[in-house]
Amino acid sequence: MQSVVRRLEGIRHEVVNCSLCPRLVAWREAAASNPPTAHATERYWARPLPGFGDPMARLVIVGLAPAAHGGNRTGRMFTGDRSGSFLFSALYRAGYASQPLSSSVDDGLHLSGAWVTAAVRCAPPANKPTPTERNACVGYLSSELQALTQARVLLALGAFAYEVLWRLPEVRGAINGKRPRFAHGLEMPLPPLEVGAVERREGEPPPARRTLLCSYHPSQRNVFTGLLDTDMFDQLLARAHQLGA
């Protein structure tokens, strides 16, 4: 447990001090300098966001990127925007979250058995990172997944997160042939962490296999149009819980 926490803290330090992508640095800081009226008096985080949650998580949820006036403002993934409201309400119903609200980093929210992260750590213009920006961030996600040794289920929120996860060797190498087309409810078995990826004491059992699940992103557009609803997402979290047991 302590070694996992130390590794995650090291990754957090690297993430929050990252400035690899000039366009994203400029965008996140511009959003903080010109907030909408509702947030005019708030001090924005305006830095890259690390993942957060339970270091012993069985479920790892991977989103696209922070929202300019959501996570970029509050300093926590999926916190302070409508996507986060949908996500954390569902996690609360499923028993992963201590409360259904996600308004600020000090709102009392705690996760149990789940870790929330993203493919890209800075808010991108129009929610569209470039391939270069995507590639600059993928190492942070890979490091998190290597550190989260108890994870059994990786849940990709949207096609972008699915594509980024697919690019990781431990995911891409698990599937023979072409990448399956993204679809809500897509489920793929993955092998355990690669040998040598984590330190294992003599006599300990080998790491368990993992499963990749896919969901439509809980964006305002997807929820308002009915592409994703609470029943669909609740069923997927129930499946994730079953696979992670």
Protein backbone atom coordinates (compact mmCIF):
# COMPACT_ATOMS: atom_id res chain seq x y z
CA MET A 1 0.00 0.00 0.00
CA GLN A 2 2.70 2.50 1.00
CA SER A 3 4.79 1.74 -2.09
CA VAL A 4 1.74 2.32 -4.31
CA VAL A 5 1.01 5.63 -2.60
CA ARG A 6 4.62 6.74 -3.05
CA ARG A 7 4.55 5.88 -6.74
CA LEU A 8 1.28 7.73 -7.26
CA GLU A 9 2.62 10.76 -5.40
CA GLY A 10 5.64 10.78 -7.66
CA ILE A 11 3.42 10.66 -10.74
CA ARG A 12 1.27 13.45 -9.31
CA HIS A 13 4.34 15.65 -8.86
CA GLU A 14 5.40 15.05 -12.47
CA VAL A 15 1.92 15.76 -13.82
CA VAL A 16 1.20 19.02 -11.99
CA ASN A 17 4.60 20.43 -13.00
CA CYS A 18 4.31 19.45 -16.67
CA SER A 19 4.56 22.14 -19.36
CA LEU A 20 5.25 19.98 -22.43
CA CYS A 21 2.40 21.36 -24.57
CA PRO A 22 2.56 25.15 -25.17
CA ARG A 23 -0.91 25.31 -26.73
CA LEU A 24 -2.52 23.64 -23.73
CA VAL A 25 -0.57 25.75 -21.25
CA ALA A 26 -1.79 28.89 -23.01
CA TRP A 27 -5.38 27.65 -23.20
CA ARG A 28 -5.72 26.57 -19.59
CA GLU A 29 -4.26 29.88 -18.38
CA ALA A 30 -6.46 31.91 -20.75
CA ALA A 31 -9.53 30.14 -19.39
CA ALA A 32 -8.47 31.06 -15.87
CA SER A 33 -7.93 34.69 -16.86
CA ASN A 34 -11.34 35.01 -18.52
CA PRO A 35 -13.81 33.00 -16.43
CA PRO A 36 -17.57 33.08 -16.99
CA THR A 37 -19.56 35.29 -14.63
CA ALA A 38 -20.53 32.35 -12.43
CA HIS A 39 -16.86 31.78 -11.57
CA ALA A 40 -15.52 35.32 -11.80
CA THR A 41 -14.43 35.48 -8.16
CA GLU A 42 -12.77 32.04 -8.06
CA ARG A 43 -9.09 31.30 -8.29
CA TYR A 44 -8.50 28.67 -10.95
CA TRP A 45 -6.16 25.70 -10.59
CA ALA A 46 -4.97 26.22 -14.22
CA ARG A 47 -2.41 23.41 -14.11
CA PRO A 48 -2.33 19.80 -15.33
CA LEU A 49 -4.52 17.43 -13.30
CA PRO A 50 -3.34 14.18 -11.73
CA GLY A 51 -5.63 11.24 -11.20
CA PHE A 52 -7.24 10.74 -7.79
CA GLY A 53 -9.05 8.13 -5.74
CA ASP A 54 -8.28 4.90 -3.93
CA PRO A 55 -4.69 3.64 -4.40
CA MET A 56 -6.07 0.10 -4.00
CA ALA A 57 -8.73 0.69 -6.66
CA ARG A 58 -10.13 -2.27 -8.58
CA LEU A 59 -11.76 0.11 -11.10
CA VAL A 60 -9.84 2.76 -13.06
CA ILE A 61 -11.96 5.29 -14.98
CA VAL A 62 -10.26 7.10 -17.86
CA GLY A 63 -11.81 10.25 -19.30
CA LEU A 64 -10.73 12.54 -22.13
CA ALA A 65 -9.35 15.68 -20.45
CA PRO A 66 -10.30 18.29 -17.82
CA ALA A 67 -12.95 20.85 -18.72
CA ALA A 68 -11.77 24.46 -19.01
CA HIS A 69 -14.16 25.63 -16.30
CA GLY A 70 -14.50 22.27 -14.52
CA GLY A 71 -11.35 20.44 -13.48
CA ASN A 72 -9.15 23.25 -14.76
CA ARG A 73 -10.95 25.48 -12.28
CA THR A 74 -11.32 23.16 -9.28
CA GLY A 75 -8.09 21.17 -9.52
CA ARG A 76 -9.75 17.73 -9.49
CA MET A 77 -10.78 15.44 -12.32
CA PHE A 78 -14.46 15.68 -13.35
CA THR A 79 -15.16 18.13 -10.55
CA GLY A 80 -17.29 21.23 -11.04
CA ASP A 81 -18.96 20.39 -14.36
CA ARG A 82 -22.01 18.48 -15.57
CA SER A 83 -20.04 15.45 -16.76
CA GLY A 84 -18.67 15.09 -13.26
CA SER A 85 -22.11 15.46 -11.72
CA PHE A 86 -23.33 12.54 -13.84
CA LEU A 87 -20.23 10.44 -13.15
CA PHE A 88 -19.99 10.88 -9.38
CA SER A 89 -23.73 10.43 -8.88
CA ALA A 90 -23.40 7.07 -10.62
CA LEU A 91 -20.31 6.16 -8.60
CA TYR A 92 -22.22 7.01 -5.43
CA ARG A 93 -25.13 4.75 -6.42
CA ALA A 94 -22.64 1.96 -7.17
CA GLY A 95 -20.90 2.34 -3.81
CA TYR A 96 -17.63 3.76 -5.14
CA ALA A 97 -18.13 7.36 -3.95
CA SER A 98 -18.92 8.77 -0.51
CA GLN A 99 -21.37 11.31 -1.92
CA PRO A 100 -23.07 12.18 -5.23
CA LEU A 101 -21.72 15.75 -5.38
CA SER A 102 -18.45 16.97 -6.90
CA SER A 103 -18.18 20.73 -6.62
CA SER A 104 -14.67 21.39 -5.24
CA VAL A 105 -11.57 19.65 -3.93
CA ASP A 106 -12.71 20.22 -0.35
CA ASP A 107 -16.32 19.08 -0.76
CA GLY A 108 -15.72 15.87 1.22
CA LEU A 109 -15.87 13.47 -1.72
CA HIS A 110 -13.85 10.25 -1.27
CA LEU A 111 -13.59 7.26 -3.59
CA SER A 112 -13.41 3.66 -2.42
CA GLY A 113 -12.33 1.00 -4.89
CA ALA A 114 -12.10 3.46 -7.80
CA TRP A 115 -9.51 5.76 -9.38
CA VAL A 116 -10.44 8.57 -11.79
CA THR A 117 -7.98 9.87 -14.36
CA ALA A 118 -7.79 11.09 -17.96
CA ALA A 119 -5.91 10.56 -21.20
CA VAL A 120 -4.86 14.24 -21.38
CA ARG A 121 -4.19 16.29 -18.24
CA CYS A 122 -4.80 19.87 -19.43
CA ALA A 123 -8.01 21.39 -20.75
CA PRO A 124 -7.78 21.46 -24.58
CA PRO A 125 -9.52 23.94 -26.90
CA ALA A 126 -12.88 22.53 -28.04
CA ASN A 127 -12.07 19.36 -26.06
CA LYS A 128 -9.83 18.24 -28.93
CA PRO A 129 -6.20 17.51 -28.05
CA THR A 130 -3.83 17.14 -30.96
CA PRO A 131 -2.04 13.83 -31.61
CA THR A 132 1.18 15.43 -30.32
CA GLU A 133 -0.54 16.51 -27.09
CA ARG A 134 -2.10 13.08 -26.70
CA ASN A 135 1.28 11.40 -27.10
CA ALA A 136 2.94 13.77 -24.63
CA CYS A 137 0.46 12.73 -21.91
CA VAL A 138 0.16 9.00 -22.51
CA GLY A 139 3.20 8.20 -20.37
CA TYR A 140 1.47 9.56 -17.27
CA LEU A 141 -1.52 7.28 -17.80
CA SER A 142 0.73 4.29 -18.39
CA SER A 143 2.63 5.03 -15.18
CA GLU A 144 -0.61 5.28 -13.20
CA LEU A 145 -1.84 1.96 -14.54
CA GLN A 146 1.46 0.33 -13.65
CA ALA A 147 1.24 1.75 -10.12
CA LEU A 148 -2.39 0.72 -9.55
CA THR A 149 -1.55 -2.95 -9.09
CA GLN A 150 -4.97 -3.93 -7.69
CA ALA A 151 -6.89 -2.62 -10.70
CA ARG A 152 -8.96 -5.23 -12.47
CA VAL A 153 -11.17 -3.08 -14.72
CA LEU A 154 -10.24 -0.15 -16.98
CA LEU A 155 -13.30 1.87 -17.99
CA ALA A 156 -12.79 4.11 -21.02
CA LEU A 157 -15.20 7.06 -21.16
CA GLY A 158 -15.55 7.80 -24.85
CA ALA A 159 -13.75 6.88 -28.05
CA PHE A 160 -10.76 9.14 -27.37
CA ALA A 161 -9.94 7.46 -24.04
CA TYR A 162 -10.44 4.05 -25.67
CA GLU A 163 -8.01 4.94 -28.46
CA VAL A 164 -5.39 6.16 -25.98
CA LEU A 165 -5.71 3.02 -23.86
CA TRP A 166 -5.45 0.91 -27.00
CA ARG A 167 -2.10 2.53 -27.78
CA LEU A 168 -0.60 1.24 -24.53
CA PRO A 169 1.46 -1.92 -25.17
CA GLU A 170 -0.28 -3.87 -22.41
CA VAL A 171 -3.64 -3.27 -24.10
CA ARG A 172 -2.78 -3.35 -27.81
CA GLY A 173 -0.67 -6.48 -27.40
CA ALA A 174 -3.56 -8.34 -25.79
CA ILE A 175 -5.77 -8.35 -28.88
CA ASN A 176 -5.01 -10.21 -32.09
CA GLY A 177 -5.85 -8.34 -35.26
CA LYS A 178 -7.39 -4.91 -35.68
CA ARG A 179 -8.69 -2.70 -32.91
CA PRO A 180 -12.36 -3.45 -32.21
CA ARG A 181 -14.67 -0.59 -33.07
CA PHE A 182 -15.60 1.57 -30.08
CA ALA A 183 -19.06 0.86 -28.71
CA HIS A 184 -20.83 1.38 -25.41
CA GLY A 185 -20.53 -1.85 -23.45
CA LEU A 186 -17.55 -3.15 -25.41
CA GLU A 187 -15.65 -5.56 -23.17
CA MET A 188 -12.16 -6.94 -23.80
CA PRO A 189 -10.03 -9.20 -21.58
CA LEU A 190 -6.48 -7.99 -20.98
CA PRO A 191 -3.44 -9.83 -19.64
CA PRO A 192 -1.93 -9.08 -16.22
CA LEU A 193 0.70 -6.37 -15.87
CA GLU A 194 3.86 -7.31 -17.75
CA VAL A 195 6.47 -9.25 -15.82
CA GLY A 196 8.84 -6.77 -14.21
CA ALA A 197 6.31 -3.95 -14.26
CA VAL A 198 5.66 -4.35 -10.55
CA GLU A 199 7.81 -5.76 -7.79
CA ARG A 200 6.44 -9.06 -6.47
CA ARG A 201 7.72 -10.90 -3.45
CA GLU A 202 8.68 -14.54 -3.70
CA GLY A 203 5.67 -16.78 -3.16
CA GLU A 204 3.10 -14.13 -4.04
CA PRO A 205 0.52 -15.14 -6.67
CA PRO A 206 0.89 -13.62 -10.14
CA PRO A 207 -1.16 -10.48 -10.85
CA ALA A 208 -4.72 -11.02 -11.99
CA ARG A 209 -5.96 -10.36 -15.49
CA ARG A 210 -7.66 -7.09 -16.32
CA THR A 211 -10.69 -6.17 -18.42
CA LEU A 212 -11.24 -3.13 -20.61
CA LEU A 213 -14.78 -1.75 -20.68
CA CYS A 214 -16.09 1.11 -22.82
CA SER A 215 -18.81 3.67 -22.21
CA TYR A 216 -20.07 6.71 -24.01
CA HIS A 217 -18.59 9.79 -22.38
CA PRO A 218 -20.97 11.40 -19.85
CA SER A 219 -20.76 14.72 -21.66
CA GLN A 220 -23.62 17.18 -21.49
CA ARG A 221 -24.41 16.53 -25.15
CA ASN A 222 -24.51 12.73 -24.81
CA VAL A 223 -26.71 12.87 -21.72
CA PHE A 224 -29.09 15.53 -23.06
CA THR A 225 -29.58 13.66 -26.36
CA GLY A 226 -30.17 10.36 -24.58
CA LEU A 227 -27.15 8.64 -26.10
CA LEU A 228 -26.17 7.85 -22.51
CA ASP A 229 -28.55 7.64 -19.57
CA THR A 230 -28.28 6.67 -15.91
CA ASP A 231 -29.59 3.14 -16.42
CA MET A 232 -27.02 2.42 -19.12
CA PHE A 233 -24.16 3.70 -17.00
CA ASP A 234 -25.39 2.02 -13.80
CA GLN A 235 -25.49 -1.31 -15.63
CA LEU A 236 -21.94 -0.81 -16.85
CA LEU A 237 -20.70 0.00 -13.33
CA ALA A 238 -22.47 -3.12 -12.06
CA ARG A 239 -20.58 -5.12 -14.66
CA ALA A 240 -17.33 -3.43 -13.65
CA HIS A 241 -17.98 -4.35 -10.01
CA GLN A 242 -18.64 -7.95 -11.02
CA LEU A 243 -15.42 -8.16 -13.04
CA GLY A 244 -13.39 -6.50 -10.29
CA ALA A 245 -14.62 -8.73 -7.47
